[in-house]
Each structure stands twice: as C-alpha cells, then as structure tokens.
N, C-alpha and C. Protein backbone atom coordinates (compact mmCIF):
# COMPACT_ATOMS: atom_id res chain seq x y z
N UNK A 1 71.99 -18.37 -117.68
CA UNK A 1 70.80 -18.22 -118.52
C UNK A 1 69.66 -19.03 -117.92
N UNK A 2 68.47 -18.48 -118.05
CA UNK A 2 67.28 -19.18 -117.58
C UNK A 2 66.30 -19.28 -118.76
N UNK A 3 65.71 -20.46 -118.93
CA UNK A 3 64.72 -20.61 -120.00
C UNK A 3 63.34 -20.34 -119.43
N UNK A 4 62.43 -19.92 -120.28
CA UNK A 4 61.07 -19.61 -119.83
C UNK A 4 60.40 -20.85 -119.28
N UNK A 5 60.79 -22.02 -119.71
CA UNK A 5 60.24 -23.25 -119.17
C UNK A 5 60.65 -23.50 -117.73
N UNK A 6 61.73 -22.85 -117.28
CA UNK A 6 62.21 -22.99 -115.89
C UNK A 6 61.70 -21.88 -114.98
N UNK A 7 60.83 -21.01 -115.46
CA UNK A 7 60.34 -19.91 -114.63
C UNK A 7 59.62 -20.44 -113.39
N UNK A 8 59.92 -19.83 -112.26
CA UNK A 8 59.26 -20.11 -110.99
C UNK A 8 59.07 -18.78 -110.28
N UNK A 9 58.21 -18.72 -109.28
CA UNK A 9 57.99 -17.48 -108.53
C UNK A 9 59.31 -17.01 -107.92
N UNK A 10 59.61 -15.73 -108.08
CA UNK A 10 60.81 -15.15 -107.51
C UNK A 10 62.03 -15.15 -108.41
N UNK A 11 61.98 -15.84 -109.54
CA UNK A 11 63.11 -15.86 -110.48
C UNK A 11 63.28 -14.46 -111.08
N UNK A 12 64.51 -13.97 -111.13
CA UNK A 12 64.78 -12.66 -111.73
C UNK A 12 65.61 -12.85 -112.99
N UNK A 13 65.28 -12.07 -114.02
CA UNK A 13 65.99 -12.18 -115.30
C UNK A 13 65.98 -10.83 -116.00
N UNK A 14 66.90 -10.71 -116.99
CA UNK A 14 66.99 -9.49 -117.79
C UNK A 14 66.25 -9.70 -119.10
N UNK A 15 65.51 -8.65 -119.51
CA UNK A 15 64.80 -8.71 -120.79
C UNK A 15 64.60 -7.28 -121.29
N UNK A 16 64.95 -7.02 -122.52
CA UNK A 16 64.75 -5.71 -123.15
C UNK A 16 65.33 -4.57 -122.31
N UNK A 17 66.50 -4.77 -121.72
CA UNK A 17 67.15 -3.73 -120.95
C UNK A 17 66.58 -3.51 -119.55
N UNK A 18 65.60 -4.31 -119.15
CA UNK A 18 65.02 -4.19 -117.81
C UNK A 18 65.26 -5.45 -117.00
N UNK A 19 65.05 -5.35 -115.69
CA UNK A 19 65.20 -6.49 -114.80
C UNK A 19 63.82 -6.85 -114.28
N UNK A 20 63.43 -8.11 -114.43
CA UNK A 20 62.08 -8.54 -114.08
C UNK A 20 62.11 -9.70 -113.09
N UNK A 21 61.07 -9.75 -112.28
CA UNK A 21 60.89 -10.83 -111.31
C UNK A 21 59.55 -11.50 -111.58
N UNK A 22 59.51 -12.82 -111.51
CA UNK A 22 58.26 -13.56 -111.75
C UNK A 22 57.38 -13.48 -110.51
N UNK A 23 56.14 -13.02 -110.67
CA UNK A 23 55.17 -12.99 -109.58
C UNK A 23 54.31 -14.25 -109.66
N UNK A 24 53.78 -14.53 -110.84
CA UNK A 24 52.97 -15.71 -111.07
C UNK A 24 53.38 -16.33 -112.40
N UNK A 25 53.28 -17.64 -112.49
CA UNK A 25 53.56 -18.30 -113.77
C UNK A 25 52.60 -19.46 -113.95
N UNK A 26 52.35 -19.81 -115.20
CA UNK A 26 51.49 -20.94 -115.51
C UNK A 26 51.96 -21.56 -116.82
N UNK A 27 52.31 -22.84 -116.77
CA UNK A 27 52.69 -23.57 -117.98
C UNK A 27 51.41 -24.06 -118.64
N UNK A 28 51.19 -23.69 -119.89
CA UNK A 28 49.96 -24.05 -120.60
C UNK A 28 50.31 -24.96 -121.77
N UNK A 29 49.63 -26.11 -121.81
CA UNK A 29 49.81 -27.05 -122.93
C UNK A 29 48.45 -27.26 -123.57
N UNK A 30 48.12 -26.44 -124.55
CA UNK A 30 46.80 -26.60 -125.19
C UNK A 30 46.75 -27.89 -126.01
N UNK A 31 45.54 -28.37 -126.23
CA UNK A 31 45.38 -29.61 -127.01
C UNK A 31 45.89 -29.45 -128.43
N UNK A 32 45.78 -28.25 -128.95
CA UNK A 32 46.21 -27.98 -130.32
C UNK A 32 47.24 -26.85 -130.27
N UNK A 33 48.34 -27.00 -130.93
CA UNK A 33 49.34 -25.93 -130.96
C UNK A 33 50.45 -26.18 -129.96
N UNK A 34 51.38 -25.21 -129.91
CA UNK A 34 52.56 -25.33 -129.06
C UNK A 34 52.28 -24.89 -127.64
N UNK A 35 53.06 -25.43 -126.71
CA UNK A 35 52.95 -25.04 -125.30
C UNK A 35 53.50 -23.63 -125.14
N UNK A 36 53.06 -22.95 -124.07
CA UNK A 36 53.59 -21.62 -123.76
C UNK A 36 53.54 -21.39 -122.25
N UNK A 37 54.21 -20.32 -121.80
CA UNK A 37 54.26 -19.98 -120.39
C UNK A 37 53.61 -18.62 -120.21
N UNK A 38 52.50 -18.58 -119.47
CA UNK A 38 51.81 -17.32 -119.18
C UNK A 38 52.32 -16.82 -117.83
N UNK A 39 52.78 -15.56 -117.79
CA UNK A 39 53.38 -15.03 -116.56
C UNK A 39 52.83 -13.66 -116.21
N UNK A 40 53.00 -13.32 -114.94
CA UNK A 40 52.81 -11.96 -114.46
C UNK A 40 54.17 -11.57 -113.91
N UNK A 41 54.79 -10.54 -114.50
CA UNK A 41 56.14 -10.14 -114.13
C UNK A 41 56.17 -8.71 -113.61
N UNK A 42 57.11 -8.46 -112.69
CA UNK A 42 57.28 -7.12 -112.13
C UNK A 42 58.65 -6.60 -112.50
N UNK A 43 58.70 -5.37 -113.02
CA UNK A 43 59.96 -4.70 -113.26
C UNK A 43 60.49 -4.30 -111.88
N UNK A 44 61.62 -4.88 -111.46
CA UNK A 44 62.09 -4.66 -110.09
C UNK A 44 62.60 -3.24 -109.87
N UNK A 45 62.94 -2.53 -110.92
CA UNK A 45 63.41 -1.15 -110.77
C UNK A 45 62.24 -0.19 -110.62
N UNK A 46 61.25 -0.29 -111.52
CA UNK A 46 60.13 0.66 -111.49
C UNK A 46 58.94 0.16 -110.70
N UNK A 47 58.83 -1.15 -110.51
CA UNK A 47 57.69 -1.72 -109.78
C UNK A 47 56.49 -2.00 -110.66
N UNK A 48 56.57 -1.70 -111.96
CA UNK A 48 55.44 -1.91 -112.87
C UNK A 48 55.20 -3.40 -113.07
N UNK A 49 53.92 -3.81 -113.03
CA UNK A 49 53.55 -5.21 -113.21
C UNK A 49 52.87 -5.38 -114.57
N UNK A 50 53.33 -6.38 -115.34
CA UNK A 50 52.72 -6.65 -116.65
C UNK A 50 52.52 -8.15 -116.80
N UNK A 51 51.62 -8.51 -117.71
CA UNK A 51 51.41 -9.91 -118.04
C UNK A 51 52.05 -10.17 -119.39
N UNK A 52 52.76 -11.29 -119.51
CA UNK A 52 53.46 -11.59 -120.75
C UNK A 52 53.45 -13.10 -120.98
N UNK A 53 53.39 -13.49 -122.24
CA UNK A 53 53.42 -14.90 -122.63
C UNK A 53 54.77 -15.20 -123.28
N UNK A 54 55.38 -16.30 -122.87
CA UNK A 54 56.69 -16.68 -123.38
C UNK A 54 56.63 -18.05 -124.04
N UNK A 55 57.51 -18.27 -125.02
CA UNK A 55 57.75 -19.58 -125.58
C UNK A 55 58.63 -20.31 -124.56
N UNK A 56 58.36 -21.57 -124.20
CA UNK A 56 59.16 -22.26 -123.17
C UNK A 56 60.64 -22.40 -123.52
N UNK A 57 61.00 -22.23 -124.78
CA UNK A 57 62.41 -22.36 -125.19
C UNK A 57 63.16 -21.03 -125.17
N UNK A 58 62.48 -19.91 -124.93
CA UNK A 58 63.14 -18.60 -124.87
C UNK A 58 64.16 -18.60 -123.74
N UNK A 59 65.34 -18.00 -124.00
CA UNK A 59 66.39 -17.93 -122.97
C UNK A 59 66.67 -16.47 -122.63
N UNK A 60 66.86 -16.22 -121.33
CA UNK A 60 67.15 -14.88 -120.83
C UNK A 60 68.28 -14.95 -119.81
N UNK A 61 69.13 -13.90 -119.77
CA UNK A 61 70.20 -13.89 -118.77
C UNK A 61 69.61 -13.75 -117.36
N UNK A 62 70.16 -14.50 -116.43
CA UNK A 62 69.72 -14.42 -115.04
C UNK A 62 70.21 -13.12 -114.43
N UNK A 63 69.35 -12.44 -113.67
CA UNK A 63 69.73 -11.19 -112.99
C UNK A 63 69.92 -11.50 -111.51
N UNK A 64 71.06 -11.12 -110.98
CA UNK A 64 71.35 -11.37 -109.58
C UNK A 64 71.08 -10.12 -108.77
N UNK A 65 70.05 -10.19 -107.94
CA UNK A 65 69.67 -9.07 -107.07
C UNK A 65 70.41 -9.24 -105.75
N UNK A 66 71.14 -8.21 -105.34
CA UNK A 66 71.86 -8.28 -104.07
C UNK A 66 70.96 -7.77 -102.96
N UNK A 67 70.78 -8.59 -101.93
CA UNK A 67 69.99 -8.22 -100.74
C UNK A 67 70.96 -8.10 -99.58
N UNK A 68 71.13 -6.89 -99.08
CA UNK A 68 72.12 -6.66 -98.04
C UNK A 68 71.43 -6.12 -96.78
N UNK A 69 71.77 -6.71 -95.63
CA UNK A 69 71.22 -6.21 -94.36
C UNK A 69 71.92 -4.91 -94.01
N UNK A 70 71.11 -3.87 -93.83
CA UNK A 70 71.65 -2.57 -93.44
C UNK A 70 70.76 -1.97 -92.36
N UNK A 71 71.37 -1.14 -91.53
CA UNK A 71 70.64 -0.51 -90.43
C UNK A 71 70.24 0.91 -90.83
N UNK A 72 68.93 1.21 -90.64
CA UNK A 72 68.45 2.57 -90.93
C UNK A 72 68.90 3.48 -89.81
N UNK A 73 69.60 4.57 -90.15
CA UNK A 73 70.14 5.47 -89.14
C UNK A 73 69.25 6.69 -88.91
N UNK A 74 69.08 7.51 -89.97
CA UNK A 74 68.31 8.75 -89.83
C UNK A 74 67.95 9.28 -91.20
N UNK A 75 67.05 10.28 -91.21
CA UNK A 75 66.69 10.92 -92.48
C UNK A 75 67.07 12.39 -92.41
N UNK A 76 67.41 12.92 -93.58
CA UNK A 76 67.77 14.33 -93.68
C UNK A 76 67.12 14.84 -94.97
N UNK A 77 65.93 15.44 -94.84
CA UNK A 77 65.20 15.88 -96.02
C UNK A 77 64.69 14.68 -96.79
N UNK A 78 65.05 14.58 -98.08
CA UNK A 78 64.62 13.46 -98.91
C UNK A 78 65.61 12.31 -98.91
N UNK A 79 66.70 12.42 -98.15
CA UNK A 79 67.70 11.36 -98.09
C UNK A 79 67.57 10.58 -96.79
N UNK A 80 67.60 9.25 -96.92
CA UNK A 80 67.55 8.36 -95.76
C UNK A 80 68.88 7.63 -95.71
N UNK A 81 69.53 7.65 -94.54
CA UNK A 81 70.87 7.09 -94.41
C UNK A 81 70.83 5.70 -93.80
N UNK A 82 71.55 4.76 -94.46
CA UNK A 82 71.64 3.37 -94.01
C UNK A 82 73.10 3.02 -93.81
N UNK A 83 73.36 2.15 -92.81
CA UNK A 83 74.73 1.73 -92.52
C UNK A 83 74.88 0.24 -92.81
N UNK A 84 75.93 -0.10 -93.55
CA UNK A 84 76.26 -1.49 -93.82
C UNK A 84 76.70 -2.13 -92.51
N UNK A 85 76.08 -3.24 -92.11
CA UNK A 85 76.39 -3.88 -90.83
C UNK A 85 77.77 -4.53 -90.79
N UNK A 86 78.40 -4.74 -91.94
CA UNK A 86 79.71 -5.38 -91.97
C UNK A 86 80.84 -4.37 -92.09
N UNK A 87 80.69 -3.39 -92.99
CA UNK A 87 81.78 -2.43 -93.22
C UNK A 87 81.57 -1.10 -92.51
N UNK A 88 80.39 -0.90 -91.93
CA UNK A 88 80.02 0.36 -91.24
C UNK A 88 80.02 1.56 -92.18
N UNK A 89 79.95 1.30 -93.48
CA UNK A 89 79.87 2.37 -94.47
C UNK A 89 78.43 2.89 -94.50
N UNK A 90 78.27 4.22 -94.58
CA UNK A 90 76.93 4.81 -94.64
C UNK A 90 76.60 5.20 -96.06
N UNK A 91 75.37 4.85 -96.50
CA UNK A 91 74.96 5.24 -97.83
C UNK A 91 73.63 5.98 -97.75
N UNK A 92 73.50 7.07 -98.52
CA UNK A 92 72.20 7.77 -98.57
C UNK A 92 71.32 7.16 -99.65
N UNK A 93 70.04 7.02 -99.35
CA UNK A 93 69.07 6.50 -100.31
C UNK A 93 67.95 7.51 -100.44
N UNK A 94 67.59 7.84 -101.68
CA UNK A 94 66.55 8.83 -101.93
C UNK A 94 65.18 8.31 -101.48
N UNK A 95 64.33 9.21 -101.03
CA UNK A 95 62.99 8.85 -100.55
C UNK A 95 62.16 8.16 -101.63
N UNK A 96 62.38 8.50 -102.90
CA UNK A 96 61.59 7.93 -103.99
C UNK A 96 61.81 6.42 -104.13
N UNK A 97 62.94 5.90 -103.63
CA UNK A 97 63.24 4.48 -103.71
C UNK A 97 62.48 3.68 -102.66
N UNK A 98 62.11 4.32 -101.55
CA UNK A 98 61.48 3.63 -100.43
C UNK A 98 60.03 3.28 -100.76
N UNK A 99 59.59 2.13 -100.27
CA UNK A 99 58.22 1.68 -100.51
C UNK A 99 57.27 2.29 -99.48
N UNK A 100 55.97 2.10 -99.71
CA UNK A 100 54.95 2.64 -98.80
C UNK A 100 55.08 2.06 -97.40
N UNK A 101 55.50 0.79 -97.27
CA UNK A 101 55.56 0.18 -95.95
C UNK A 101 56.79 0.60 -95.15
N UNK A 102 57.61 1.52 -95.69
CA UNK A 102 58.75 2.03 -94.93
C UNK A 102 58.28 2.92 -93.78
N UNK A 103 57.02 3.36 -93.80
CA UNK A 103 56.49 4.21 -92.73
C UNK A 103 56.46 3.50 -91.38
N UNK A 104 56.66 2.17 -91.36
CA UNK A 104 56.68 1.41 -90.11
C UNK A 104 58.08 1.23 -89.55
N UNK A 105 59.09 1.79 -90.21
CA UNK A 105 60.48 1.62 -89.79
C UNK A 105 60.90 2.81 -88.94
N UNK A 106 61.51 2.50 -87.77
CA UNK A 106 62.06 3.57 -86.94
C UNK A 106 63.58 3.46 -86.95
N UNK A 107 64.24 4.47 -86.44
CA UNK A 107 65.69 4.51 -86.47
C UNK A 107 66.29 3.30 -85.77
N UNK A 108 67.44 2.85 -86.28
CA UNK A 108 68.22 1.72 -85.78
C UNK A 108 67.60 0.35 -86.07
N UNK A 109 66.58 0.29 -86.95
CA UNK A 109 66.02 -1.00 -87.36
C UNK A 109 66.81 -1.53 -88.55
N UNK A 110 66.97 -2.85 -88.62
CA UNK A 110 67.64 -3.48 -89.76
C UNK A 110 66.65 -3.70 -90.90
N UNK A 111 67.07 -3.36 -92.11
CA UNK A 111 66.26 -3.54 -93.32
C UNK A 111 67.11 -4.24 -94.36
N UNK A 112 66.48 -4.77 -95.40
CA UNK A 112 67.20 -5.35 -96.52
C UNK A 112 67.22 -4.31 -97.64
N UNK A 113 68.42 -3.92 -98.07
CA UNK A 113 68.58 -2.97 -99.16
C UNK A 113 68.82 -3.79 -100.43
N UNK A 114 67.96 -3.57 -101.44
CA UNK A 114 68.02 -4.32 -102.69
C UNK A 114 68.75 -3.52 -103.75
N UNK A 115 69.71 -4.16 -104.40
CA UNK A 115 70.45 -3.45 -105.45
C UNK A 115 70.74 -4.39 -106.61
N UNK A 116 70.86 -3.81 -107.78
CA UNK A 116 71.22 -4.54 -108.99
C UNK A 116 72.35 -3.78 -109.66
N UNK A 117 73.49 -4.44 -109.82
CA UNK A 117 74.69 -3.82 -110.38
C UNK A 117 75.02 -2.52 -109.65
N UNK A 118 75.00 -2.56 -108.32
CA UNK A 118 75.32 -1.45 -107.41
C UNK A 118 74.36 -0.27 -107.49
N UNK A 119 73.20 -0.42 -108.13
CA UNK A 119 72.17 0.61 -108.13
C UNK A 119 71.06 0.18 -107.19
N UNK A 120 70.86 0.94 -106.12
CA UNK A 120 69.82 0.60 -105.14
C UNK A 120 68.46 0.92 -105.74
N UNK A 121 67.54 -0.06 -105.71
CA UNK A 121 66.21 0.17 -106.25
C UNK A 121 65.11 -0.10 -105.23
N UNK A 122 65.45 -0.57 -104.04
CA UNK A 122 64.39 -0.83 -103.07
C UNK A 122 64.93 -1.12 -101.69
N UNK A 123 64.05 -0.94 -100.70
CA UNK A 123 64.37 -1.25 -99.31
C UNK A 123 63.20 -2.05 -98.75
N UNK A 124 63.51 -3.25 -98.21
CA UNK A 124 62.49 -4.09 -97.60
C UNK A 124 62.59 -3.97 -96.09
N UNK A 125 61.54 -3.45 -95.43
CA UNK A 125 61.57 -3.41 -93.97
C UNK A 125 61.38 -4.82 -93.41
N UNK A 126 61.64 -5.03 -92.11
CA UNK A 126 61.38 -6.35 -91.54
C UNK A 126 59.89 -6.70 -91.69
N UNK A 127 59.56 -7.99 -91.78
CA UNK A 127 58.16 -8.39 -91.97
C UNK A 127 57.27 -7.99 -90.80
N UNK A 128 57.82 -8.05 -89.58
CA UNK A 128 57.05 -7.70 -88.39
C UNK A 128 57.83 -6.70 -87.57
N UNK A 129 57.16 -5.65 -87.11
CA UNK A 129 57.80 -4.66 -86.25
C UNK A 129 56.92 -4.44 -85.02
N UNK A 130 57.57 -4.03 -83.92
CA UNK A 130 56.85 -3.70 -82.70
C UNK A 130 56.97 -2.20 -82.47
N UNK A 131 55.82 -1.52 -82.45
CA UNK A 131 55.80 -0.07 -82.31
C UNK A 131 54.83 0.34 -81.20
N UNK A 132 55.07 1.53 -80.67
CA UNK A 132 54.21 2.06 -79.61
C UNK A 132 53.08 2.89 -80.21
N UNK A 133 51.88 2.74 -79.65
CA UNK A 133 50.73 3.55 -80.06
C UNK A 133 50.86 4.89 -79.35
N UNK A 134 50.95 5.99 -80.10
CA UNK A 134 51.12 7.31 -79.49
C UNK A 134 49.81 8.08 -79.38
N UNK A 135 48.83 7.75 -80.24
CA UNK A 135 47.57 8.47 -80.19
C UNK A 135 46.44 7.58 -80.67
N UNK A 136 45.41 7.46 -79.84
CA UNK A 136 44.20 6.74 -80.23
C UNK A 136 43.10 7.10 -79.23
N UNK A 137 41.88 6.89 -79.63
CA UNK A 137 40.77 7.13 -78.71
C UNK A 137 40.80 6.07 -77.62
N UNK A 138 40.50 6.44 -76.37
CA UNK A 138 40.52 5.43 -75.30
C UNK A 138 39.40 4.41 -75.49
N UNK A 139 39.73 3.17 -75.11
CA UNK A 139 38.72 2.11 -75.18
C UNK A 139 37.73 2.29 -74.04
N UNK A 140 36.45 2.12 -74.33
CA UNK A 140 35.41 2.29 -73.32
C UNK A 140 35.06 0.92 -72.76
N UNK A 141 34.90 0.84 -71.43
CA UNK A 141 34.56 -0.43 -70.79
C UNK A 141 33.24 -0.94 -71.37
N UNK A 142 33.23 -2.20 -71.73
CA UNK A 142 32.02 -2.79 -72.30
C UNK A 142 32.01 -2.72 -73.82
N UNK A 143 33.01 -2.04 -74.41
CA UNK A 143 33.11 -1.96 -75.86
C UNK A 143 33.76 -3.23 -76.37
N UNK A 144 32.97 -4.29 -76.52
CA UNK A 144 33.57 -5.58 -76.87
C UNK A 144 33.04 -6.14 -78.18
N UNK A 145 32.50 -5.27 -79.04
CA UNK A 145 32.02 -5.76 -80.33
C UNK A 145 33.19 -6.39 -81.08
N UNK A 146 32.97 -7.55 -81.67
CA UNK A 146 34.07 -8.23 -82.34
C UNK A 146 34.38 -7.58 -83.68
N UNK A 147 35.67 -7.63 -84.02
CA UNK A 147 36.17 -7.12 -85.30
C UNK A 147 35.86 -5.66 -85.54
N UNK A 148 35.73 -4.87 -84.48
CA UNK A 148 35.54 -3.43 -84.64
C UNK A 148 36.89 -2.76 -84.46
N UNK A 149 37.24 -1.86 -85.38
CA UNK A 149 38.55 -1.22 -85.36
C UNK A 149 38.42 0.28 -85.22
N UNK A 150 39.49 0.90 -84.68
CA UNK A 150 39.55 2.35 -84.54
C UNK A 150 40.90 2.82 -85.06
N UNK A 151 41.00 4.09 -85.49
CA UNK A 151 42.30 4.58 -85.98
C UNK A 151 43.29 4.80 -84.83
N UNK A 152 44.57 4.58 -85.13
CA UNK A 152 45.63 4.80 -84.14
C UNK A 152 46.86 5.33 -84.87
N UNK A 153 47.59 6.24 -84.19
CA UNK A 153 48.85 6.76 -84.73
C UNK A 153 49.99 6.10 -83.98
N UNK A 154 51.01 5.67 -84.72
CA UNK A 154 52.15 4.98 -84.13
C UNK A 154 53.32 5.94 -83.94
N UNK A 155 54.36 5.48 -83.24
CA UNK A 155 55.50 6.34 -82.93
C UNK A 155 56.25 6.80 -84.18
N UNK A 156 56.10 6.11 -85.31
CA UNK A 156 56.76 6.53 -86.55
C UNK A 156 55.91 7.53 -87.33
N UNK A 157 54.67 7.78 -86.85
CA UNK A 157 53.77 8.69 -87.55
C UNK A 157 52.80 7.96 -88.46
N UNK A 158 52.98 6.67 -88.64
CA UNK A 158 52.08 5.88 -89.49
C UNK A 158 50.72 5.73 -88.80
N UNK A 159 49.67 5.67 -89.61
CA UNK A 159 48.33 5.47 -89.06
C UNK A 159 47.80 4.12 -89.52
N UNK A 160 47.27 3.34 -88.56
CA UNK A 160 46.67 2.05 -88.87
C UNK A 160 45.38 1.93 -88.08
N UNK A 161 44.66 0.83 -88.29
CA UNK A 161 43.43 0.56 -87.55
C UNK A 161 43.71 -0.57 -86.57
N UNK A 162 43.29 -0.37 -85.31
CA UNK A 162 43.55 -1.34 -84.25
C UNK A 162 42.23 -1.68 -83.55
N UNK A 163 42.19 -2.81 -82.82
CA UNK A 163 40.98 -3.17 -82.07
C UNK A 163 40.68 -2.14 -80.97
N UNK A 164 39.44 -2.13 -80.51
CA UNK A 164 38.99 -1.14 -79.52
C UNK A 164 39.73 -1.20 -78.20
N UNK A 165 40.26 -2.38 -77.81
CA UNK A 165 40.89 -2.52 -76.49
C UNK A 165 42.32 -1.97 -76.43
N UNK A 166 42.90 -1.55 -77.55
CA UNK A 166 44.26 -1.00 -77.57
C UNK A 166 44.22 0.45 -77.10
N UNK A 167 45.13 0.80 -76.17
CA UNK A 167 45.19 2.16 -75.63
C UNK A 167 46.54 2.80 -75.94
N UNK A 168 46.63 4.11 -75.72
CA UNK A 168 47.89 4.83 -75.93
C UNK A 168 48.97 4.26 -75.03
N UNK A 169 50.21 4.24 -75.54
CA UNK A 169 51.34 3.76 -74.77
C UNK A 169 51.59 2.26 -74.88
N UNK A 170 50.67 1.53 -75.49
CA UNK A 170 50.86 0.08 -75.63
C UNK A 170 51.74 -0.23 -76.82
N UNK A 171 52.51 -1.31 -76.70
CA UNK A 171 53.35 -1.80 -77.79
C UNK A 171 52.55 -2.84 -78.56
N UNK A 172 52.51 -2.69 -79.90
CA UNK A 172 51.78 -3.64 -80.72
C UNK A 172 52.68 -4.16 -81.84
N UNK A 173 52.38 -5.35 -82.34
CA UNK A 173 53.12 -5.94 -83.46
C UNK A 173 52.33 -5.71 -84.74
N UNK A 174 53.04 -5.29 -85.80
CA UNK A 174 52.41 -4.96 -87.08
C UNK A 174 53.08 -5.77 -88.17
N UNK A 175 52.28 -6.27 -89.12
CA UNK A 175 52.79 -6.93 -90.32
C UNK A 175 53.03 -5.82 -91.35
N UNK A 176 54.30 -5.54 -91.68
CA UNK A 176 54.61 -4.42 -92.58
C UNK A 176 54.19 -4.71 -94.02
N UNK A 177 54.00 -5.98 -94.39
CA UNK A 177 53.61 -6.29 -95.76
C UNK A 177 52.17 -5.86 -96.03
N UNK A 178 51.30 -5.98 -95.01
CA UNK A 178 49.88 -5.62 -95.19
C UNK A 178 49.52 -4.35 -94.44
N UNK A 179 50.35 -3.94 -93.48
CA UNK A 179 50.05 -2.76 -92.69
C UNK A 179 48.97 -3.00 -91.66
N UNK A 180 48.78 -4.25 -91.25
CA UNK A 180 47.72 -4.61 -90.32
C UNK A 180 48.24 -4.90 -88.93
N UNK A 181 47.41 -4.63 -87.95
CA UNK A 181 47.66 -4.97 -86.55
C UNK A 181 47.68 -6.47 -86.42
N UNK A 182 48.67 -7.03 -85.70
CA UNK A 182 48.74 -8.47 -85.49
C UNK A 182 48.33 -8.83 -84.06
N UNK A 183 49.03 -8.23 -83.07
CA UNK A 183 48.80 -8.56 -81.66
C UNK A 183 49.51 -7.56 -80.78
N UNK A 184 49.22 -7.66 -79.48
CA UNK A 184 49.99 -6.87 -78.52
C UNK A 184 51.38 -7.46 -78.41
N UNK A 185 52.36 -6.58 -78.18
CA UNK A 185 53.74 -7.06 -78.06
C UNK A 185 54.09 -7.33 -76.61
C-alpha cells in the first residue's frame, strides 16, 4: 500500500479499477485547513492525463509494472512481433499499443515491453537510436546559417528535421523521447 503523502514521480498505484503513474506532485500545507497533495497522474493503460487532489492519509494498493527487455523482430500487418531475450518466446503486440516514437525503431533493436498483470500496454524504444538518412536535400556549400533545419527521411520511414550539413547516407543519433536530431553517429 502507498499513501498519498508518499507520492513521488514515477510511483504507480491502483485507483478506481485503473492503474496510474504520478507525473507531478505537490504537497500543499495551507495556513488554514488541512494539508493535501495536488498531483498530475497518467493512466498507464490509456495514456490519459488528469489532475487530482488527494488527502495525504488516503491509501492505495501499489501497482507493479513489469518492464521486460525484448527484441523487436518484424511486423505483419497490425501485429508487431517481439522476442523475449531470456526465453526466446515470441509475442505479437497490436499496433494500437505502440507509441508515436516507435517509428524510430528498426528490426532487431531491443525495447522495453511494459505490462501489468500480463497485459501489455506499452513499448518503450531505446532513448537514443542511430539511423541512416535515406532522403534529404543536399547541403549547399556556404549554407552555414545557424540553427537552420531541413526535412529528412530515415531508414525506418520516420521524418525529422536535421541541420543543413547532413547528407543522404549519413548515420545520425536521434533522441526518441523528443524525436530530435542529436548528432552525427
């Protein structure tokens, strides 16, 4: 059990039949009246974010989210197949479960598969990936304006904005959390 007074970022708990994760919390002690905990919580299954106020003495059952390293193998229609790195068991995961940043994942990359009570609800790609630029406008000599970006297509089909000096065939590092170009690989 976890009390609302013990809430911290990342704590997961069960409430009203749903599983929630704390995104932000603030303990408030007004000059008059009882203390309370103001939070921003995310339903880990649906991804919906809500703001809620709790009494610091409220108790909720702790929810244990299983994070398992699995290798992405291939996709077949709306199903994406992942292999458990320990048991070599393959499991299909529906496309609707995958997040927007999954577009940066290519075959044979390791991802974290998130599940609660054996129900998969999410896939976290690695924070940084190195991908090849397959299509972009060529950089022109003398084009050195700072912080100017151009569109580029990556080997996974994802489109991002890169600096003018990046050319086709180059390997670049991308932060999958923000979808931004980091550096040449």
